[in-house]
C-alpha atoms as a PDB file:
ATOM      1  CA  MET A   1    -115.307  17.133 -73.541  1.00  0.00           C
ATOM      2  CA  ASN A   2    -117.175  20.042 -75.874  1.00  0.00           C
ATOM      3  CA  GLU A   3    -115.167  20.992 -79.089  1.00  0.00           C
ATOM      4  CA  ASN A   4    -113.689  24.136 -77.527  1.00  0.00           C
ATOM      5  CA  GLU A   5    -111.570  21.846 -75.115  1.00  0.00           C
ATOM      6  CA  SER A   6    -108.729  20.027 -76.262  1.00  0.00           C
ATOM      7  CA  PRO A   7    -106.718  17.449 -74.355  1.00  0.00           C
ATOM      8  CA  VAL A   8    -103.450  19.082 -73.362  1.00  0.00           C
ATOM      9  CA  ASN A   9    -100.510  16.864 -73.405  1.00  0.00           C
ATOM     10  CA  ASN A  10     -98.427  18.506 -70.486  1.00  0.00           C
ATOM     11  CA  THR A  11     -95.466  16.108 -70.020  1.00  0.00           C
ATOM     12  CA  GLU A  12     -93.934  18.501 -67.399  1.00  0.00           C
ATOM     13  CA  GLU A  13     -96.855  17.919 -65.019  1.00  0.00           C
ATOM     14  CA  ALA A  14     -97.307  14.150 -66.042  1.00  0.00           C
ATOM     15  CA  GLN A  15     -94.078  13.444 -64.758  1.00  0.00           C
ATOM     16  CA  PRO A  16     -93.030  14.001 -61.054  1.00  0.00           C
ATOM     17  CA  ASP A  17     -89.538  15.587 -60.289  1.00  0.00           C
ATOM     18  CA  PRO A  18     -86.793  13.358 -60.308  1.00  0.00           C
ATOM     19  CA  HIS A  19     -84.979  15.216 -57.406  1.00  0.00           C
ATOM     20  CA  ALA A  20     -88.229  15.044 -55.291  1.00  0.00           C
ATOM     21  CA  ARG A  21     -88.525  11.301 -56.112  1.00  0.00           C
ATOM     22  CA  ALA A  22     -84.825  10.675 -55.258  1.00  0.00           C
ATOM     23  CA  LEU A  23     -85.023  12.605 -52.073  1.00  0.00           C
ATOM     24  CA  ARG A  24     -88.371  10.686 -50.817  1.00  0.00           C
ATOM     25  CA  THR A  25     -86.880   7.539 -51.442  1.00  0.00           C
ATOM     26  CA  LEU A  26     -83.442   8.470 -49.848  1.00  0.00           C
ATOM     27  CA  ALA A  27     -85.532   9.606 -47.047  1.00  0.00           C
ATOM     28  CA  SER A  28     -87.435   6.246 -46.734  1.00  0.00           C
ATOM     29  CA  ALA A  29     -84.693   4.167 -46.789  1.00  0.00           C
ATOM     30  CA  MET A  30     -83.051   6.336 -44.019  1.00  0.00           C
ATOM     31  CA  PHE A  31     -85.928   5.841 -42.074  1.00  0.00           C
ATOM     32  CA  ARG A  32     -85.924   1.969 -42.878  1.00  0.00           C
ATOM     33  CA  TYR A  33     -82.069   1.720 -42.144  1.00  0.00           C
ATOM     34  CA  ALA A  34     -82.276   3.881 -38.990  1.00  0.00           C
ATOM     35  CA  LEU A  35     -85.402   2.717 -36.988  1.00  0.00           C
ATOM     36  CA  TRP A  36     -84.705  -0.734 -35.605  1.00  0.00           C
ATOM     37  CA  PRO A  37     -80.590   0.196 -34.891  1.00  0.00           C
ATOM     38  CA  SER A  38     -81.569   3.334 -33.104  1.00  0.00           C
ATOM     39  CA  VAL A  39     -84.201   1.415 -31.021  1.00  0.00           C
ATOM     40  CA  ALA A  40     -81.982  -1.339 -30.166  1.00  0.00           C
ATOM     41  CA  ALA A  41     -79.607   1.661 -29.008  1.00  0.00           C
ATOM     42  CA  VAL A  42     -82.182   2.849 -26.716  1.00  0.00           C
ATOM     43  CA  VAL A  43     -83.007  -0.344 -25.118  1.00  0.00           C
ATOM     44  CA  LEU A  44     -79.531  -1.096 -24.765  1.00  0.00           C
ATOM     45  CA  GLY A  45     -78.804   1.983 -23.066  1.00  0.00           C
ATOM     46  CA  VAL A  46     -82.170   1.205 -20.942  1.00  0.00           C
ATOM     47  CA  VAL A  47     -81.208  -2.079 -19.674  1.00  0.00           C
ATOM     48  CA  THR A  48     -77.288  -0.962 -19.297  1.00  0.00           C
ATOM     49  CA  PHE A  49     -77.937   1.785 -17.077  1.00  0.00           C
ATOM     50  CA  GLY A  50     -80.680   0.512 -15.581  1.00  0.00           C
ATOM     51  CA  ILE A  51     -78.348  -2.316 -14.258  1.00  0.00           C
ATOM     52  CA  LEU A  52     -75.681   0.309 -13.282  1.00  0.00           C
ATOM     53  CA  HIS A  53     -77.812   2.983 -11.717  1.00  0.00           C
ATOM     54  CA  GLY A  54     -81.027   1.669 -10.966  1.00  0.00           C
ATOM     55  CA  THR A  55     -84.338   3.600 -11.740  1.00  0.00           C
ATOM     56  CA  ALA A  56     -82.574   6.444 -12.497  1.00  0.00           C
ATOM     57  CA  GLY A  57     -80.344   5.429 -14.814  1.00  0.00           C
ATOM     58  CA  ALA A  58     -82.973   3.516 -16.898  1.00  0.00           C
ATOM     59  CA  LEU A  59     -85.062   6.822 -17.096  1.00  0.00           C
ATOM     60  CA  GLY A  60     -82.318   8.818 -18.171  1.00  0.00           C
ATOM     61  CA  ALA A  61     -81.584   6.293 -20.605  1.00  0.00           C
ATOM     62  CA  LEU A  62     -85.016   6.148 -21.949  1.00  0.00           C
ATOM     63  CA  VAL A  63     -85.748   9.903 -21.925  1.00  0.00           C
ATOM     64  CA  GLY A  64     -82.165  10.729 -23.972  1.00  0.00           C
ATOM     65  CA  GLY A  65     -82.797   7.977 -26.197  1.00  0.00           C
ATOM     66  CA  SER A  66     -86.740   9.021 -26.896  1.00  0.00           C
ATOM     67  CA  ILE A  67     -85.473  12.257 -27.570  1.00  0.00           C
ATOM     68  CA  ALA A  68     -82.979  11.429 -29.967  1.00  0.00           C
ATOM     69  CA  CYS A  69     -85.175   9.036 -31.605  1.00  0.00           C
ATOM     70  CA  ALA A  70     -87.437  11.997 -31.924  1.00  0.00           C
ATOM     71  CA  SER A  71     -85.047  14.223 -33.232  1.00  0.00           C
ATOM     72  CA  SER A  72     -83.611  12.151 -36.235  1.00  0.00           C
ATOM     73  CA  LEU A  73     -86.957  10.913 -37.153  1.00  0.00           C
ATOM     74  CA  LEU A  74     -87.852  14.919 -37.455  1.00  0.00           C
ATOM     75  CA  THR A  75     -85.020  15.371 -39.444  1.00  0.00           C
ATOM     76  CA  LEU A  76     -86.240  12.793 -41.988  1.00  0.00           C
ATOM     77  CA  TRP A  77     -89.777  13.878 -42.103  1.00  0.00           C
ATOM     78  CA  LEU A  78     -88.248  17.294 -42.883  1.00  0.00           C
ATOM     79  CA  MET A  79     -86.300  15.736 -45.568  1.00  0.00           C
ATOM     80  CA  ARG A  80     -89.812  14.451 -47.119  1.00  0.00           C
ATOM     81  CA  LYS A  81     -91.891  17.533 -46.921  1.00  0.00           C
ATOM     82  CA  THR A  82     -89.227  19.866 -48.620  1.00  0.00           C
ATOM     83  CA  ALA A  83     -88.141  17.243 -51.454  1.00  0.00           C
ATOM     84  CA  GLY A  84     -90.617  19.024 -53.904  1.00  0.00           C
ATOM     85  CA  ALA A  85     -89.466  22.429 -52.971  1.00  0.00           C
ATOM     86  CA  GLY A  86     -86.294  22.302 -55.184  1.00  0.00           C
ATOM     87  CA  ALA A  87     -82.863  20.908 -54.588  1.00  0.00           C
ATOM     88  CA  HIS A  88     -81.485  23.955 -53.026  1.00  0.00           C
ATOM     89  CA  ILE A  89     -84.561  24.344 -50.375  1.00  0.00           C
ATOM     90  CA  ALA A  90     -84.159  20.714 -49.576  1.00  0.00           C
ATOM     91  CA  MET A  91     -80.449  20.688 -48.744  1.00  0.00           C
ATOM     92  CA  ALA A  92     -80.789  23.934 -47.010  1.00  0.00           C
ATOM     93  CA  ALA A  93     -83.565  22.478 -44.804  1.00  0.00           C
ATOM     94  CA  SER A  94     -81.558  19.209 -44.055  1.00  0.00           C
ATOM     95  CA  LEU A  95     -78.732  20.867 -43.030  1.00  0.00           C
ATOM     96  CA  GLY A  96     -80.633  23.691 -41.100  1.00  0.00           C
ATOM     97  CA  GLY A  97     -82.505  20.542 -39.490  1.00  0.00           C
ATOM     98  CA  PHE A  98     -79.341  18.887 -38.324  1.00  0.00           C
ATOM     99  CA  VAL A  99     -78.164  22.295 -36.721  1.00  0.00           C
ATOM    100  CA  GLY A 100     -81.525  22.822 -35.094  1.00  0.00           C
ATOM    101  CA  LYS A 101     -81.515  19.305 -33.867  1.00  0.00           C
ATOM    102  CA  MET A 102     -77.998  19.391 -32.246  1.00  0.00           C
ATOM    103  CA  LEU A 103     -79.211  23.147 -30.683  1.00  0.00           C
ATOM    104  CA  VAL A 104     -82.219  21.184 -29.613  1.00  0.00           C
ATOM    105  CA  LEU A 105     -80.577  18.256 -27.956  1.00  0.00           C
ATOM    106  CA  LEU A 106     -78.193  21.011 -26.320  1.00  0.00           C
ATOM    107  CA  LEU A 107     -81.106  22.704 -24.893  1.00  0.00           C
ATOM    108  CA  VAL A 108     -82.872  19.422 -23.778  1.00  0.00           C
ATOM    109  CA  MET A 109     -79.763  17.783 -22.204  1.00  0.00           C
ATOM    110  CA  THR A 110     -79.361  21.380 -20.357  1.00  0.00           C
ATOM    111  CA  ALA A 111     -82.782  21.619 -19.009  1.00  0.00           C
ATOM    112  CA  LEU A 112     -82.628  18.002 -17.681  1.00  0.00           C
ATOM    113  CA  ARG A 113     -79.070  18.321 -16.120  1.00  0.00           C
ATOM    114  CA  ASP A 114     -80.311  18.973 -12.407  1.00  0.00           C
ATOM    115  CA  VAL A 115     -83.863  16.734 -12.905  1.00  0.00           C
ATOM    116  CA  ALA A 116     -83.389  14.472  -9.835  1.00  0.00           C
ATOM    117  CA  ALA A 117     -85.305  11.429 -11.269  1.00  0.00           C
ATOM    118  CA  LEU A 118     -83.236  11.394 -14.118  1.00  0.00           C
ATOM    119  CA  HIS A 119     -79.233  10.088 -13.870  1.00  0.00           C
ATOM    120  CA  ARG A 120     -77.745  12.597 -16.094  1.00  0.00           C
ATOM    121  CA  LEU A 121     -74.923  10.991 -17.573  1.00  0.00           C
ATOM    122  CA  SER A 122     -77.099   7.942 -18.377  1.00  0.00           C
ATOM    123  CA  LEU A 123     -79.480  10.808 -20.531  1.00  0.00           C
ATOM    124  CA  ALA A 124     -76.390  12.387 -21.959  1.00  0.00           C
ATOM    125  CA  ILE A 125     -74.263   8.812 -22.968  1.00  0.00           C
ATOM    126  CA  THR A 126     -77.773   7.391 -24.396  1.00  0.00           C
ATOM    127  CA  MET A 127     -78.637  10.432 -26.559  1.00  0.00           C
ATOM    128  CA  ILE A 128     -75.156  10.237 -28.134  1.00  0.00           C
ATOM    129  CA  VAL A 129     -75.291   6.770 -28.799  1.00  0.00           C
ATOM    130  CA  VAL A 130     -78.377   6.925 -30.559  1.00  0.00           C
ATOM    131  CA  VAL A 131     -77.856  10.064 -32.636  1.00  0.00           C
ATOM    132  CA  VAL A 132     -74.472   8.493 -33.803  1.00  0.00           C
ATOM    133  CA  VAL A 133     -76.065   5.227 -34.373  1.00  0.00           C
ATOM    134  CA  ALA A 134     -79.102   6.944 -36.547  1.00  0.00           C
ATOM    135  CA  ALA A 135     -76.575   9.200 -38.438  1.00  0.00           C
ATOM    136  CA  GLY A 136     -74.558   5.680 -39.103  1.00  0.00           C
ATOM    137  CA  ALA A 137     -77.563   4.141 -40.081  1.00  0.00           C
ATOM    138  CA  GLU A 138     -78.526   7.097 -42.684  1.00  0.00           C
ATOM    139  CA  ALA A 139     -74.989   7.142 -44.309  1.00  0.00           C
ATOM    140  CA  LEU A 140     -75.311   3.507 -44.456  1.00  0.00           C
ATOM    141  CA  ALA A 141     -78.796   3.957 -46.410  1.00  0.00           C
ATOM    142  CA  PHE A 142     -77.143   6.891 -48.668  1.00  0.00           C
ATOM    143  CA  ARG A 143     -74.581   4.557 -49.702  1.00  0.00           C
ATOM    144  CA  ARG A 144     -76.714   1.472 -50.187  1.00  0.00           C
ATOM    145  CA  THR A 145     -79.507   3.053 -51.934  1.00  0.00           C
ATOM    146  CA  LYS A 146     -79.293   2.923 -55.827  1.00  0.00           C
ATOM    147  CA  LEU A 147     -79.750   6.393 -56.462  1.00  0.00           C
ATOM    148  CA  PRO A 148     -77.922   8.842 -58.834  1.00  0.00           C
ATOM    149  CA  THR A 149     -76.548  11.550 -57.115  1.00  0.00           C
ATOM    150  CA  ILE A 150     -76.674  13.909 -59.994  1.00  0.00           C
ATOM    151  CA  ILE A 151     -79.425  14.326 -62.567  1.00  0.00           C
ATOM    152  CA  PRO A 152     -78.700  15.563 -65.690  1.00  0.00           C
ATOM    153  CA  ALA A 153     -80.592  18.341 -66.255  1.00  0.00           C
ATOM    154  CA  GLY A 154     -82.440  16.685 -69.418  1.00  0.00           C
ATOM    155  CA  GLU A 155     -84.489  14.449 -67.452  1.00  0.00           C
ATOM    156  CA  ARG A 156     -86.223  17.232 -65.510  1.00  0.00           C
END
């Protein structure tokens, strides 16, 4: 360092945004809480509908459960990616992601309803169960994660 340069003590850049840190922590907790129950719901759906409706039931449940798991993971990814953009952008992205996810699931269910290799009811029920299980696990993660829900402006 030469004499014209002086060390800059910029505490704003040194400390990460508490909102982003809290949102990333929450997204990680939601992922941990939702992963295994969602996978278990898919496996249960595949086994149950495989027994009840044969191969078409098992395939329908596998496709429906896989799509629902992927959409839940996409929402958590969206939370992590928008965490640093500010609280209002992250919340808008989360809400928009949820609405978009529901629309995509509806479109997929509509597109796959006449595929002969898939049992339609097995696909739909497994998809709904996995979405509800993932949403419940994410809500449980929010409740159990020790995060302040209001971060005072002085901590920025």
